[in-house]
Amino acid sequence: MAYIDIDGLDTWTETRGSGENIVVLLHGGLSNSDVLFDLIGSSFEHNFRVIGFDRRGHGYTADTEEPFHYDDMATHAIKVLEHVGASKVHLVGWSDGGIVALLVALRRPELVDRLVLIGTNYHFEGIHELDLDDDAPPVGLLESYAERSPDGADHFPVVAEKFMAMATTEPTLTTDDLARLEHPTLVLVGDDDLVRLHHTVALYEALPAGRLCVLPGASHTVVMERPQLVAAIIEDFLEGAEPPETLLPIRRALGRT
């Protein structure tokens, strides 16, 4: 655990495990890297080097006056990867982290091996209407922020407002953008996700090497609700054959993996 300087911003990073292949965990909005480490990251440590970091205004990384933009978050992520010397990684992103993963892969495809997108939308219209009351944030969210943020609990409403401004206007990717991604990509959601199911299917169908997993009885917080199952599915994907071998291929028989 250490801070690294990324363009003058002390960015909290952590590395666990010592495998040759690298998994980078990209946390969700208003969350932090500890969440993914604790829920699923530990499952990968025996086979992978696992890296996580807190984006600006999240976790142990302080905020600045600038608004939030997914493009800036992708730039930050790329510079973290370059700083730690990660030349080819698996990106595992949850929610906002999945959006960041998409943008990193589009901008720097050579840095990415495989992608895991959990509860991820490629366009802001793909999610159900958000209702985040600054005076009554979801249970545990403010407490988690207050425990870690160098800015203190009083800064949470500022971060929440920035998040809402971004999430209701970004991202604006298209299926043509997604079609450029040749990386093997696992799209994973709960059947009652914040991301609309038809949007998730459109994401999957646009990806040249996409795979789709919809978990029943789960929501946008599927990594909290079914952490062991989610971790097992991800690990199977990261270590499995590409393209996968199936007995009755349909989509993949047409050249789509």
Protein backbone atom coordinates (compact mmCIF):
# COMPACT_ATOMS: atom_id res chain seq x y z
CA MET A 1 0.00 0.00 0.00
CA ALA A 2 1.44 3.32 -1.03
CA TYR A 3 0.75 6.66 -2.61
CA ILE A 4 2.16 7.31 -6.07
CA ASP A 5 2.39 10.72 -7.69
CA ILE A 6 0.25 10.98 -10.82
CA ASP A 7 0.47 14.51 -12.23
CA GLY A 8 0.75 15.93 -8.72
CA LEU A 9 -2.11 13.86 -7.31
CA ASP A 10 -1.18 11.44 -4.53
CA THR A 11 -2.95 8.32 -5.74
CA TRP A 12 -3.54 5.47 -3.33
CA THR A 13 -2.47 2.12 -4.79
CA GLU A 14 -2.19 -1.41 -3.51
CA THR A 15 -0.66 -4.57 -4.95
CA ARG A 16 -1.33 -8.10 -3.74
CA GLY A 17 -0.21 -11.46 -5.04
CA SER A 18 2.83 -12.15 -7.17
CA GLY A 19 1.68 -13.90 -10.32
CA GLU A 20 3.17 -13.13 -13.71
CA ASN A 21 -0.16 -11.97 -15.13
CA ILE A 22 -1.75 -8.79 -13.78
CA VAL A 23 -5.35 -8.08 -12.81
CA VAL A 24 -6.26 -4.42 -12.27
CA LEU A 25 -9.37 -3.75 -10.18
CA LEU A 26 -11.33 -0.61 -11.12
CA HIS A 27 -13.84 0.30 -8.41
CA GLY A 28 -17.29 1.77 -8.86
CA GLY A 29 -18.47 5.33 -8.42
CA LEU A 30 -18.42 6.67 -4.84
CA SER A 31 -16.60 3.49 -3.85
CA ASN A 32 -12.95 2.53 -3.33
CA SER A 33 -10.44 -0.17 -4.19
CA ASP A 34 -10.79 -1.90 -0.80
CA VAL A 35 -14.30 -2.99 -1.74
CA LEU A 36 -13.22 -5.02 -4.76
CA PHE A 37 -10.11 -6.32 -3.02
CA ASP A 38 -12.16 -7.59 -0.09
CA LEU A 39 -15.01 -9.04 -2.14
CA ILE A 40 -13.31 -10.67 -5.13
CA GLY A 41 -9.66 -9.57 -5.36
CA SER A 42 -8.39 -12.06 -2.80
CA SER A 43 -9.62 -14.92 -5.00
CA PHE A 44 -7.15 -13.95 -7.72
CA GLU A 45 -4.04 -13.46 -5.58
CA HIS A 46 -2.82 -17.05 -5.87
CA ASN A 47 -2.53 -16.85 -9.66
CA PHE A 48 -2.25 -13.15 -10.44
CA ARG A 49 -0.60 -9.96 -9.35
CA VAL A 50 -3.60 -7.86 -8.34
CA ILE A 51 -3.43 -4.05 -8.45
CA GLY A 52 -6.02 -1.60 -7.24
CA PHE A 53 -6.04 2.17 -6.90
CA ASP A 54 -8.41 4.88 -5.72
CA ARG A 55 -9.46 7.41 -8.32
CA ARG A 56 -9.57 11.14 -7.55
CA GLY A 57 -12.13 11.92 -4.86
CA HIS A 58 -12.53 8.25 -3.96
CA GLY A 59 -11.14 6.18 -1.12
CA TYR A 60 -7.78 7.39 0.14
CA THR A 61 -7.16 9.66 -2.85
CA ALA A 62 -8.04 13.31 -2.29
CA ASP A 63 -10.35 15.32 -4.52
CA THR A 64 -9.47 18.45 -6.48
CA GLU A 65 -11.65 21.33 -7.66
CA GLU A 66 -12.16 19.93 -11.16
CA PRO A 67 -15.39 18.14 -12.13
CA PHE A 68 -15.45 14.41 -12.79
CA HIS A 69 -15.21 13.09 -16.34
CA TYR A 70 -14.78 9.49 -17.43
CA ASP A 71 -12.15 10.48 -19.99
CA ASP A 72 -10.06 12.03 -17.20
CA MET A 73 -10.49 8.88 -15.12
CA ALA A 74 -9.25 6.80 -18.05
CA THR A 75 -6.22 9.07 -18.42
CA HIS A 76 -5.52 8.66 -14.71
CA ALA A 77 -5.81 4.87 -14.98
CA ILE A 78 -3.46 4.73 -17.97
CA LYS A 79 -0.85 6.77 -16.10
CA VAL A 80 -1.16 4.48 -13.07
CA LEU A 81 -0.54 1.46 -15.30
CA GLU A 82 2.48 3.13 -16.85
CA HIS A 83 3.81 4.13 -13.42
CA VAL A 84 3.68 0.57 -12.06
CA GLY A 85 5.16 -0.85 -15.25
CA ALA A 86 2.09 -2.85 -16.25
CA SER A 87 2.37 -3.47 -19.98
CA LYS A 88 -0.44 -6.03 -20.52
CA VAL A 89 -3.21 -6.41 -17.96
CA HIS A 90 -6.65 -7.81 -17.35
CA LEU A 91 -9.02 -4.98 -16.42
CA VAL A 92 -11.84 -5.85 -14.01
CA GLY A 93 -14.20 -2.90 -13.68
CA TRP A 94 -17.41 -2.57 -11.71
CA SER A 95 -19.96 0.08 -12.72
CA ASP A 96 -17.98 3.32 -13.26
CA GLY A 97 -14.84 1.18 -13.21
CA GLY A 98 -16.18 -0.75 -16.18
CA ILE A 99 -16.67 2.48 -18.10
CA VAL A 100 -13.08 3.43 -17.32
CA ALA A 101 -11.97 -0.01 -18.49
CA LEU A 102 -13.77 0.45 -21.81
CA LEU A 103 -12.16 3.83 -22.38
CA VAL A 104 -8.69 2.57 -21.48
CA ALA A 105 -9.05 -0.35 -23.89
CA LEU A 106 -10.25 1.93 -26.68
CA ARG A 107 -7.47 4.46 -26.20
CA ARG A 108 -4.63 2.09 -25.37
CA PRO A 109 -5.59 -1.37 -26.66
CA GLU A 110 -2.01 -2.61 -26.40
CA LEU A 111 -2.15 -2.27 -22.59
CA VAL A 112 -5.10 -4.63 -22.23
CA ASP A 113 -5.35 -8.41 -22.45
CA ARG A 114 -8.92 -9.19 -21.32
CA LEU A 115 -11.79 -7.10 -19.98
CA VAL A 116 -14.38 -7.83 -17.31
CA LEU A 117 -17.28 -5.37 -17.21
CA ILE A 118 -19.57 -5.71 -14.19
CA GLY A 119 -22.79 -3.69 -14.27
CA THR A 120 -21.36 -1.41 -16.95
CA ASN A 121 -23.13 0.99 -19.30
CA TYR A 122 -21.51 2.40 -22.43
CA HIS A 123 -23.99 5.30 -22.68
CA PHE A 124 -25.59 7.29 -19.87
CA GLU A 125 -29.07 6.56 -21.25
CA GLY A 126 -28.48 2.87 -20.59
CA ILE A 127 -29.13 3.13 -16.86
CA HIS A 128 -32.33 3.44 -14.89
CA GLU A 129 -32.90 6.84 -13.32
CA LEU A 130 -30.52 7.52 -10.45
CA ASP A 131 -31.85 8.81 -7.14
CA LEU A 132 -28.95 9.73 -4.90
CA ASP A 133 -30.01 11.99 -2.04
CA ASP A 134 -26.98 13.78 -0.60
CA ASP A 135 -28.76 14.00 2.75
CA ALA A 136 -29.44 10.27 2.86
CA PRO A 137 -26.80 8.32 0.91
CA PRO A 138 -27.03 4.52 0.71
CA VAL A 139 -26.27 2.74 3.97
CA GLY A 140 -22.53 2.51 4.62
CA LEU A 141 -21.50 4.76 1.75
CA LEU A 142 -20.87 7.90 3.79
CA GLU A 143 -19.22 5.92 6.59
CA SER A 144 -16.83 4.24 4.15
CA TYR A 145 -16.00 7.60 2.58
CA ALA A 146 -15.41 9.26 5.95
CA GLU A 147 -13.07 6.48 7.09
CA ARG A 148 -10.76 6.95 4.12
CA SER A 149 -11.06 10.35 2.49
CA PRO A 150 -8.30 12.90 3.18
CA ASP A 151 -11.00 15.53 2.55
CA GLY A 152 -13.21 14.46 5.45
CA ALA A 153 -16.86 13.48 5.65
CA ASP A 154 -18.10 17.01 4.96
CA HIS A 155 -16.74 16.79 1.42
CA PHE A 156 -18.95 13.84 0.46
CA PRO A 157 -21.83 15.97 -0.90
CA VAL A 158 -19.37 17.68 -3.25
CA VAL A 159 -18.15 14.34 -4.59
CA ALA A 160 -21.72 13.03 -4.87
CA GLU A 161 -22.77 16.10 -6.87
CA LYS A 162 -19.81 15.70 -9.23
CA PHE A 163 -20.64 12.04 -9.66
CA MET A 164 -24.28 12.72 -10.50
CA ALA A 165 -23.36 15.44 -13.00
CA MET A 166 -21.07 12.98 -14.77
CA ALA A 167 -23.24 9.87 -14.60
CA THR A 168 -26.28 11.64 -16.04
CA THR A 169 -24.41 13.02 -19.08
CA GLU A 170 -21.62 10.51 -19.70
CA PRO A 171 -20.42 8.22 -21.23
CA THR A 172 -21.55 8.62 -24.82
CA LEU A 173 -19.96 5.64 -26.53
CA THR A 174 -21.66 3.96 -29.49
CA THR A 175 -21.90 0.37 -30.65
CA ASP A 176 -19.49 1.33 -33.44
CA ASP A 177 -16.98 2.29 -30.74
CA LEU A 178 -17.50 -1.04 -29.01
CA ALA A 179 -17.00 -2.93 -32.27
CA ARG A 180 -13.38 -1.74 -32.28
CA LEU A 181 -12.63 -3.70 -29.12
CA GLU A 182 -11.08 -7.02 -30.10
CA HIS A 183 -10.20 -8.00 -26.54
CA PRO A 184 -11.99 -11.00 -25.04
CA THR A 185 -14.59 -9.34 -22.82
CA LEU A 186 -16.88 -10.72 -20.12
CA VAL A 187 -20.05 -8.71 -19.57
CA LEU A 188 -21.55 -9.59 -16.18
CA VAL A 189 -24.71 -8.18 -14.60
CA GLY A 190 -27.47 -9.01 -12.16
CA ASP A 191 -30.90 -9.65 -13.63
CA ASP A 192 -32.20 -6.61 -11.73
CA ASP A 193 -29.29 -4.31 -12.46
CA LEU A 194 -29.15 -0.53 -12.51
CA VAL A 195 -28.06 -0.95 -16.12
CA ARG A 196 -31.04 -1.74 -18.34
CA LEU A 197 -30.93 -5.34 -19.54
CA HIS A 198 -31.46 -4.46 -23.21
CA HIS A 199 -28.51 -2.05 -22.95
CA THR A 200 -26.35 -4.84 -21.52
CA VAL A 201 -27.33 -7.14 -24.37
CA ALA A 202 -26.51 -4.40 -26.89
CA LEU A 203 -23.08 -4.03 -25.26
CA TYR A 204 -22.47 -7.75 -25.49
CA GLU A 205 -23.65 -8.04 -29.09
CA ALA A 206 -21.48 -5.14 -30.23
CA LEU A 207 -18.29 -6.68 -28.86
CA PRO A 208 -16.41 -8.86 -31.36
CA ALA A 209 -15.20 -11.18 -28.58
CA GLY A 210 -17.88 -10.73 -25.95
CA ARG A 211 -19.31 -13.17 -23.44
CA LEU A 212 -22.45 -12.56 -21.42
CA CYS A 213 -23.34 -13.59 -17.87
CA VAL A 214 -26.63 -12.59 -16.23
CA LEU A 215 -26.88 -13.72 -12.62
CA PRO A 216 -30.41 -14.37 -11.34
CA GLY A 217 -31.57 -12.80 -8.12
CA ALA A 218 -28.87 -10.13 -8.21
CA SER A 219 -28.71 -6.36 -8.63
CA HIS A 220 -26.11 -3.71 -9.45
CA THR A 221 -24.33 -4.75 -6.25
CA VAL A 222 -23.87 -8.30 -7.52
CA VAL A 223 -20.26 -8.35 -6.32
CA MET A 224 -21.54 -7.80 -2.78
CA GLU A 225 -24.45 -10.21 -3.11
CA ARG A 226 -22.64 -13.12 -4.78
CA PRO A 227 -18.90 -12.45 -4.34
CA GLN A 228 -17.69 -16.05 -4.47
CA LEU A 229 -19.69 -16.88 -7.57
CA VAL A 230 -18.65 -13.66 -9.31
CA ALA A 231 -14.99 -14.30 -8.49
CA ALA A 232 -15.20 -17.89 -9.77
CA ILE A 233 -16.83 -16.80 -13.04
CA ILE A 234 -14.21 -14.10 -13.58
CA GLU A 235 -11.30 -16.40 -12.81
CA ASP A 236 -12.66 -19.05 -15.17
CA PHE A 237 -12.89 -16.40 -17.89
CA LEU A 238 -9.39 -15.05 -17.30
CA GLU A 239 -7.80 -18.49 -17.32
CA GLY A 240 -9.98 -20.17 -19.94
CA ALA A 241 -9.39 -20.85 -23.60
CA GLU A 242 -10.00 -18.14 -26.16
CA PRO A 243 -12.14 -18.59 -28.11
CA PRO A 244 -14.07 -20.91 -25.79
CA GLU A 245 -14.79 -24.42 -26.99
CA THR A 246 -18.49 -25.28 -27.07
CA LEU A 247 -20.44 -28.19 -28.54
CA LEU A 248 -23.06 -26.18 -30.42
CA PRO A 249 -21.66 -22.77 -31.37
CA ILE A 250 -24.05 -20.36 -33.09
CA ARG A 251 -22.79 -16.81 -32.77
CA ARG A 252 -19.19 -17.97 -32.50
CA ALA A 253 -19.56 -20.23 -35.53
CA LEU A 254 -20.18 -17.07 -37.54
CA GLY A 255 -16.82 -15.69 -36.54
CA ARG A 256 -17.95 -13.91 -33.37
CA THR A 257 -16.23 -15.33 -30.31
